[in-house]
N, C-alpha and C. Protein backbone atom coordinates (compact mmCIF):
# COMPACT_ATOMS: atom_id res chain seq x y z
N MET A 1 -9.93 -13.11 -18.07
CA MET A 1 -10.07 -14.53 -17.79
C MET A 1 -11.46 -15.00 -18.23
N LYS A 2 -11.50 -16.13 -18.86
CA LYS A 2 -12.73 -16.71 -19.36
C LYS A 2 -13.59 -17.20 -18.19
N LYS A 3 -14.90 -17.00 -18.32
CA LYS A 3 -15.83 -17.47 -17.29
C LYS A 3 -15.74 -18.99 -17.21
N ASP A 4 -15.61 -19.51 -16.02
CA ASP A 4 -15.33 -20.92 -15.85
C ASP A 4 -15.81 -21.37 -14.48
N GLU A 5 -15.68 -22.64 -14.23
CA GLU A 5 -15.94 -23.18 -12.91
C GLU A 5 -14.65 -23.08 -12.11
N ILE A 6 -14.74 -22.51 -10.93
CA ILE A 6 -13.58 -22.36 -10.05
C ILE A 6 -13.80 -23.32 -8.89
N ILE A 7 -12.94 -24.31 -8.78
CA ILE A 7 -13.12 -25.34 -7.76
C ILE A 7 -12.17 -25.08 -6.60
N LEU A 8 -12.73 -25.01 -5.41
CA LEU A 8 -11.96 -24.83 -4.18
C LEU A 8 -12.02 -26.12 -3.39
N VAL A 9 -10.86 -26.73 -3.15
CA VAL A 9 -10.76 -27.94 -2.33
C VAL A 9 -10.14 -27.51 -1.01
N TYR A 10 -10.89 -27.68 0.06
CA TYR A 10 -10.49 -27.19 1.38
C TYR A 10 -10.90 -28.18 2.46
N ASP A 11 -10.36 -28.01 3.65
CA ASP A 11 -10.66 -28.89 4.78
C ASP A 11 -11.88 -28.35 5.52
N GLN A 12 -13.00 -29.01 5.32
CA GLN A 12 -14.25 -28.57 5.93
C GLN A 12 -14.24 -28.71 7.46
N GLU A 13 -13.39 -29.56 7.99
CA GLU A 13 -13.32 -29.74 9.44
C GLU A 13 -12.49 -28.66 10.13
N CYS A 14 -11.75 -27.89 9.35
CA CYS A 14 -10.97 -26.79 9.91
C CYS A 14 -11.88 -25.56 10.00
N PRO A 15 -12.06 -25.01 11.20
CA PRO A 15 -12.95 -23.84 11.34
C PRO A 15 -12.51 -22.65 10.47
N PHE A 16 -11.20 -22.42 10.35
CA PHE A 16 -10.71 -21.31 9.54
C PHE A 16 -11.03 -21.54 8.06
N CYS A 17 -10.72 -22.73 7.58
CA CYS A 17 -10.94 -23.07 6.16
C CYS A 17 -12.43 -23.02 5.84
N HIS A 18 -13.24 -23.58 6.73
CA HIS A 18 -14.68 -23.61 6.51
C HIS A 18 -15.25 -22.19 6.46
N ASN A 19 -14.87 -21.36 7.41
CA ASN A 19 -15.38 -19.98 7.42
C ASN A 19 -14.90 -19.21 6.20
N TYR A 20 -13.65 -19.40 5.82
CA TYR A 20 -13.12 -18.73 4.63
C TYR A 20 -13.95 -19.11 3.41
N SER A 21 -14.22 -20.40 3.26
CA SER A 21 -14.95 -20.87 2.08
C SER A 21 -16.38 -20.33 2.06
N GLN A 22 -16.95 -20.08 3.23
CA GLN A 22 -18.30 -19.55 3.29
C GLN A 22 -18.36 -18.04 3.02
N LEU A 23 -17.25 -17.35 3.30
CA LEU A 23 -17.24 -15.90 3.16
C LEU A 23 -16.71 -15.40 1.82
N ILE A 24 -15.85 -16.19 1.17
CA ILE A 24 -15.26 -15.73 -0.09
C ILE A 24 -16.33 -15.64 -1.17
N ARG A 25 -16.31 -14.57 -1.90
CA ARG A 25 -17.23 -14.35 -3.02
C ARG A 25 -16.42 -14.09 -4.28
N ILE A 26 -16.66 -14.89 -5.29
CA ILE A 26 -15.96 -14.75 -6.56
C ILE A 26 -16.78 -13.83 -7.46
N ASN A 27 -16.08 -12.93 -8.14
CA ASN A 27 -16.73 -12.06 -9.12
C ASN A 27 -17.39 -12.95 -10.17
N LYS A 28 -18.68 -12.75 -10.40
CA LYS A 28 -19.43 -13.61 -11.33
C LYS A 28 -18.88 -13.58 -12.75
N ASP A 29 -18.14 -12.54 -13.10
CA ASP A 29 -17.53 -12.48 -14.43
C ASP A 29 -16.47 -13.56 -14.61
N HIS A 30 -15.93 -14.07 -13.51
CA HIS A 30 -14.86 -15.07 -13.58
C HIS A 30 -15.39 -16.50 -13.54
N GLY A 31 -16.60 -16.68 -13.03
CA GLY A 31 -17.16 -18.03 -12.98
C GLY A 31 -17.84 -18.32 -11.67
N LYS A 32 -18.19 -19.56 -11.51
CA LYS A 32 -18.92 -20.03 -10.33
C LYS A 32 -17.97 -20.80 -9.42
N LEU A 33 -18.03 -20.49 -8.12
CA LEU A 33 -17.21 -21.20 -7.14
C LEU A 33 -17.90 -22.49 -6.73
N VAL A 34 -17.16 -23.59 -6.85
CA VAL A 34 -17.62 -24.91 -6.43
C VAL A 34 -16.68 -25.36 -5.33
N MET A 35 -17.25 -25.80 -4.20
CA MET A 35 -16.43 -26.19 -3.06
C MET A 35 -16.47 -27.70 -2.85
N ILE A 36 -15.31 -28.27 -2.58
CA ILE A 36 -15.19 -29.70 -2.32
C ILE A 36 -14.42 -29.88 -1.02
N ASN A 37 -14.96 -30.71 -0.15
CA ASN A 37 -14.29 -31.03 1.11
C ASN A 37 -13.11 -31.96 0.82
N ALA A 38 -11.94 -31.57 1.26
CA ALA A 38 -10.73 -32.35 1.02
C ALA A 38 -10.77 -33.73 1.69
N ARG A 39 -11.68 -33.92 2.61
CA ARG A 39 -11.78 -35.20 3.31
C ARG A 39 -12.77 -36.16 2.64
N ASP A 40 -13.44 -35.68 1.59
CA ASP A 40 -14.40 -36.53 0.88
C ASP A 40 -13.68 -37.45 -0.11
N ASP A 41 -14.37 -38.51 -0.48
CA ASP A 41 -13.86 -39.42 -1.51
C ASP A 41 -14.35 -38.89 -2.86
N HIS A 42 -13.61 -37.97 -3.41
CA HIS A 42 -13.97 -37.30 -4.65
C HIS A 42 -12.85 -37.55 -5.67
N PRO A 43 -13.19 -37.79 -6.93
CA PRO A 43 -12.15 -38.05 -7.93
C PRO A 43 -11.09 -36.95 -8.02
N LEU A 44 -11.48 -35.71 -7.81
CA LEU A 44 -10.52 -34.61 -7.89
C LEU A 44 -9.45 -34.72 -6.80
N ILE A 45 -9.84 -35.24 -5.63
CA ILE A 45 -8.88 -35.42 -4.53
C ILE A 45 -7.77 -36.39 -4.97
N LYS A 46 -8.16 -37.44 -5.66
CA LYS A 46 -7.17 -38.40 -6.16
C LYS A 46 -6.22 -37.74 -7.16
N ASP A 47 -6.77 -36.89 -8.03
CA ASP A 47 -5.93 -36.17 -9.00
C ASP A 47 -4.95 -35.24 -8.29
N ILE A 48 -5.42 -34.57 -7.27
CA ILE A 48 -4.56 -33.65 -6.50
C ILE A 48 -3.42 -34.42 -5.85
N LYS A 49 -3.72 -35.56 -5.27
CA LYS A 49 -2.68 -36.38 -4.64
C LYS A 49 -1.68 -36.90 -5.65
N LYS A 50 -2.17 -37.29 -6.84
CA LYS A 50 -1.26 -37.76 -7.90
C LYS A 50 -0.30 -36.65 -8.32
N LEU A 51 -0.73 -35.41 -8.25
CA LEU A 51 0.13 -34.28 -8.59
C LEU A 51 1.14 -33.96 -7.48
N GLY A 52 0.99 -34.63 -6.34
CA GLY A 52 1.90 -34.41 -5.22
C GLY A 52 1.56 -33.19 -4.38
N LEU A 53 0.33 -32.69 -4.51
CA LEU A 53 -0.08 -31.54 -3.71
C LEU A 53 -0.65 -32.04 -2.38
N ASP A 54 -0.11 -31.54 -1.28
CA ASP A 54 -0.49 -31.98 0.06
C ASP A 54 -1.59 -31.08 0.60
N LEU A 55 -2.78 -31.64 0.76
CA LEU A 55 -3.91 -30.86 1.26
C LEU A 55 -3.78 -30.50 2.74
N ASN A 56 -2.83 -31.11 3.44
CA ASN A 56 -2.55 -30.69 4.81
C ASN A 56 -1.68 -29.43 4.83
N GLN A 57 -1.06 -29.15 3.71
CA GLN A 57 -0.19 -27.97 3.61
C GLN A 57 -0.87 -26.79 2.92
N GLY A 58 -2.06 -27.00 2.40
CA GLY A 58 -2.76 -25.89 1.77
C GLY A 58 -3.94 -26.33 0.94
N MET A 59 -4.87 -25.41 0.80
CA MET A 59 -6.03 -25.66 -0.05
C MET A 59 -5.59 -25.66 -1.51
N VAL A 60 -6.47 -26.14 -2.37
CA VAL A 60 -6.21 -26.19 -3.80
C VAL A 60 -7.36 -25.53 -4.54
N VAL A 61 -7.01 -24.72 -5.53
CA VAL A 61 -7.99 -24.14 -6.43
C VAL A 61 -7.67 -24.68 -7.82
N LYS A 62 -8.71 -25.15 -8.50
CA LYS A 62 -8.55 -25.64 -9.87
C LYS A 62 -9.42 -24.79 -10.79
N ILE A 63 -8.78 -24.24 -11.81
CA ILE A 63 -9.47 -23.47 -12.83
C ILE A 63 -9.04 -24.06 -14.17
N SER A 64 -10.02 -24.56 -14.93
CA SER A 64 -9.73 -25.31 -16.16
C SER A 64 -8.79 -26.45 -15.80
N GLU A 65 -7.62 -26.51 -16.37
CA GLU A 65 -6.67 -27.58 -16.06
C GLU A 65 -5.53 -27.09 -15.18
N GLN A 66 -5.64 -25.88 -14.67
CA GLN A 66 -4.58 -25.28 -13.84
C GLN A 66 -4.90 -25.48 -12.35
N TYR A 67 -3.90 -25.93 -11.61
CA TYR A 67 -4.04 -26.13 -10.16
C TYR A 67 -3.21 -25.07 -9.43
N TYR A 68 -3.79 -24.52 -8.37
CA TYR A 68 -3.11 -23.55 -7.50
C TYR A 68 -3.16 -24.13 -6.09
N HIS A 69 -2.02 -24.13 -5.41
CA HIS A 69 -1.93 -24.76 -4.09
C HIS A 69 -1.40 -23.77 -3.06
N GLY A 70 -1.96 -23.82 -1.86
CA GLY A 70 -1.46 -23.01 -0.75
C GLY A 70 -1.49 -21.53 -1.04
N THR A 71 -0.31 -20.92 -1.00
CA THR A 71 -0.16 -19.48 -1.23
C THR A 71 -0.76 -19.06 -2.56
N ASP A 72 -0.48 -19.84 -3.60
CA ASP A 72 -0.99 -19.50 -4.93
C ASP A 72 -2.52 -19.58 -4.98
N ALA A 73 -3.10 -20.54 -4.25
CA ALA A 73 -4.56 -20.66 -4.20
C ALA A 73 -5.17 -19.44 -3.53
N LEU A 74 -4.60 -19.03 -2.41
CA LEU A 74 -5.11 -17.86 -1.70
C LEU A 74 -4.97 -16.61 -2.56
N ASN A 75 -3.85 -16.49 -3.26
CA ASN A 75 -3.60 -15.34 -4.13
C ASN A 75 -4.60 -15.29 -5.28
N ILE A 76 -4.84 -16.40 -5.96
CA ILE A 76 -5.76 -16.40 -7.10
C ILE A 76 -7.19 -16.13 -6.64
N LEU A 77 -7.58 -16.66 -5.49
CA LEU A 77 -8.93 -16.39 -4.98
C LEU A 77 -9.10 -14.90 -4.66
N ALA A 78 -8.06 -14.29 -4.11
CA ALA A 78 -8.12 -12.85 -3.82
C ALA A 78 -8.29 -12.06 -5.11
N LEU A 79 -7.55 -12.44 -6.13
CA LEU A 79 -7.61 -11.71 -7.41
C LEU A 79 -8.95 -11.89 -8.11
N LEU A 80 -9.61 -13.02 -7.89
CA LEU A 80 -10.90 -13.29 -8.52
C LEU A 80 -12.09 -12.86 -7.67
N SER A 81 -11.81 -12.40 -6.45
CA SER A 81 -12.90 -12.08 -5.52
C SER A 81 -13.69 -10.87 -5.98
N SER A 82 -14.93 -10.79 -5.46
CA SER A 82 -15.84 -9.72 -5.86
C SER A 82 -15.54 -8.41 -5.14
N ARG A 83 -14.85 -8.48 -4.02
CA ARG A 83 -14.54 -7.32 -3.19
C ARG A 83 -15.79 -6.67 -2.61
N SER A 84 -16.86 -7.46 -2.53
CA SER A 84 -18.08 -6.97 -1.89
C SER A 84 -18.04 -7.40 -0.43
N GLY A 85 -18.29 -6.48 0.44
CA GLY A 85 -18.27 -6.77 1.86
C GLY A 85 -16.87 -6.63 2.45
N LEU A 86 -16.83 -6.45 3.74
CA LEU A 86 -15.57 -6.22 4.44
C LEU A 86 -14.59 -7.38 4.30
N PHE A 87 -15.07 -8.61 4.47
CA PHE A 87 -14.18 -9.77 4.39
C PHE A 87 -13.49 -9.84 3.03
N ASN A 88 -14.26 -9.72 1.96
CA ASN A 88 -13.69 -9.84 0.62
C ASN A 88 -12.75 -8.69 0.29
N LYS A 89 -13.02 -7.50 0.80
CA LYS A 89 -12.10 -6.37 0.61
C LYS A 89 -10.79 -6.64 1.34
N LEU A 90 -10.88 -7.08 2.60
CA LEU A 90 -9.67 -7.40 3.37
C LEU A 90 -8.88 -8.54 2.72
N ASN A 91 -9.61 -9.57 2.29
CA ASN A 91 -8.97 -10.71 1.63
C ASN A 91 -8.20 -10.24 0.40
N TYR A 92 -8.82 -9.38 -0.39
CA TYR A 92 -8.17 -8.87 -1.59
C TYR A 92 -6.91 -8.08 -1.24
N TRP A 93 -7.02 -7.17 -0.30
CA TRP A 93 -5.87 -6.31 0.03
C TRP A 93 -4.74 -7.09 0.70
N CYS A 94 -5.07 -8.13 1.45
CA CYS A 94 -4.03 -8.92 2.11
C CYS A 94 -3.34 -9.90 1.17
N PHE A 95 -4.09 -10.45 0.22
CA PHE A 95 -3.56 -11.57 -0.55
C PHE A 95 -3.46 -11.33 -2.05
N LYS A 96 -3.70 -10.11 -2.50
CA LYS A 96 -3.53 -9.82 -3.94
C LYS A 96 -2.05 -9.84 -4.33
N SER A 97 -1.19 -9.57 -3.37
CA SER A 97 0.25 -9.57 -3.60
C SER A 97 0.82 -10.95 -3.30
N LYS A 98 1.59 -11.49 -4.25
CA LYS A 98 2.23 -12.79 -4.02
C LYS A 98 3.21 -12.72 -2.86
N ILE A 99 3.89 -11.58 -2.73
CA ILE A 99 4.87 -11.42 -1.66
C ILE A 99 4.18 -11.48 -0.30
N LEU A 100 3.10 -10.72 -0.14
CA LEU A 100 2.38 -10.71 1.13
C LEU A 100 1.72 -12.07 1.39
N SER A 101 1.16 -12.67 0.34
CA SER A 101 0.55 -14.00 0.48
C SER A 101 1.59 -15.02 0.97
N THR A 102 2.77 -14.96 0.38
CA THR A 102 3.85 -15.88 0.74
C THR A 102 4.29 -15.68 2.18
N ALA A 103 4.28 -14.44 2.63
CA ALA A 103 4.69 -14.14 4.01
C ALA A 103 3.62 -14.57 5.02
N LEU A 104 2.35 -14.38 4.68
CA LEU A 104 1.27 -14.65 5.64
C LEU A 104 0.80 -16.10 5.66
N TYR A 105 0.88 -16.78 4.54
CA TYR A 105 0.30 -18.12 4.45
C TYR A 105 0.88 -19.12 5.46
N PRO A 106 2.19 -19.14 5.69
CA PRO A 106 2.71 -20.08 6.69
C PRO A 106 2.12 -19.84 8.09
N LEU A 107 1.86 -18.60 8.43
CA LEU A 107 1.24 -18.30 9.72
C LEU A 107 -0.19 -18.85 9.77
N LEU A 108 -0.93 -18.67 8.69
CA LEU A 108 -2.30 -19.19 8.62
C LEU A 108 -2.30 -20.71 8.70
N ARG A 109 -1.38 -21.34 7.98
CA ARG A 109 -1.30 -22.81 7.97
C ARG A 109 -0.93 -23.33 9.36
N SER A 110 0.00 -22.66 10.04
CA SER A 110 0.39 -23.07 11.40
C SER A 110 -0.78 -22.94 12.36
N GLY A 111 -1.53 -21.85 12.23
CA GLY A 111 -2.73 -21.66 13.06
C GLY A 111 -3.75 -22.76 12.81
N ARG A 112 -3.93 -23.10 11.54
CA ARG A 112 -4.86 -24.17 11.17
C ARG A 112 -4.43 -25.48 11.81
N ASN A 113 -3.15 -25.81 11.68
CA ASN A 113 -2.65 -27.08 12.21
C ASN A 113 -2.78 -27.14 13.73
N LEU A 114 -2.52 -26.03 14.40
CA LEU A 114 -2.66 -25.98 15.85
C LEU A 114 -4.12 -26.18 16.27
N VAL A 115 -5.04 -25.50 15.62
CA VAL A 115 -6.46 -25.62 15.95
C VAL A 115 -6.95 -27.04 15.70
N LEU A 116 -6.55 -27.64 14.58
CA LEU A 116 -6.97 -29.02 14.31
C LEU A 116 -6.45 -29.97 15.37
N LYS A 117 -5.22 -29.74 15.81
CA LYS A 117 -4.65 -30.59 16.87
C LYS A 117 -5.43 -30.41 18.18
N LEU A 118 -5.73 -29.17 18.54
CA LEU A 118 -6.49 -28.90 19.76
C LEU A 118 -7.90 -29.49 19.71
N LEU A 119 -8.48 -29.52 18.51
CA LEU A 119 -9.81 -30.09 18.33
C LEU A 119 -9.80 -31.61 18.20
N GLY A 120 -8.59 -32.20 18.14
CA GLY A 120 -8.47 -33.65 18.01
C GLY A 120 -8.78 -34.16 16.61
N LYS A 121 -8.64 -33.33 15.63
CA LYS A 121 -8.92 -33.72 14.24
C LYS A 121 -7.67 -34.35 13.62
N SER A 122 -7.88 -35.36 12.81
CA SER A 122 -6.77 -36.04 12.15
C SER A 122 -6.36 -35.27 10.90
N LYS A 123 -5.17 -35.60 10.40
CA LYS A 123 -4.72 -35.01 9.14
C LYS A 123 -5.54 -35.61 7.99
N ILE A 124 -5.54 -34.90 6.88
CA ILE A 124 -6.23 -35.39 5.69
C ILE A 124 -5.38 -36.55 5.13
N THR A 125 -6.04 -37.66 4.84
CA THR A 125 -5.30 -38.82 4.31
C THR A 125 -5.60 -39.04 2.85
């Protein structure tokens, strides 16, 4: 894969999403990770919405002109991760497989939605 900018669009108000974004490390051979809060007024957010990708249903990763949403975003981040440190090793082993990512992601999303509700946070609009 060509070295590029890897853009992660995530919900900064979600404790799980925020911590994940702070802990994930991308292998420098793949590019630089750029993080965007899904609640910000950013042009990329408008593009994501035009594509019909729901940021309440999953984070988005953009590499070049390719968009990855939800399960696919988690999977691609795992494959691009540096695997340095315990978190990145666990992330890689849990989400390198599309099958396992697909099985686990709905549980993670449900946990996220429950925590946001308990914290009184609104959905991303």
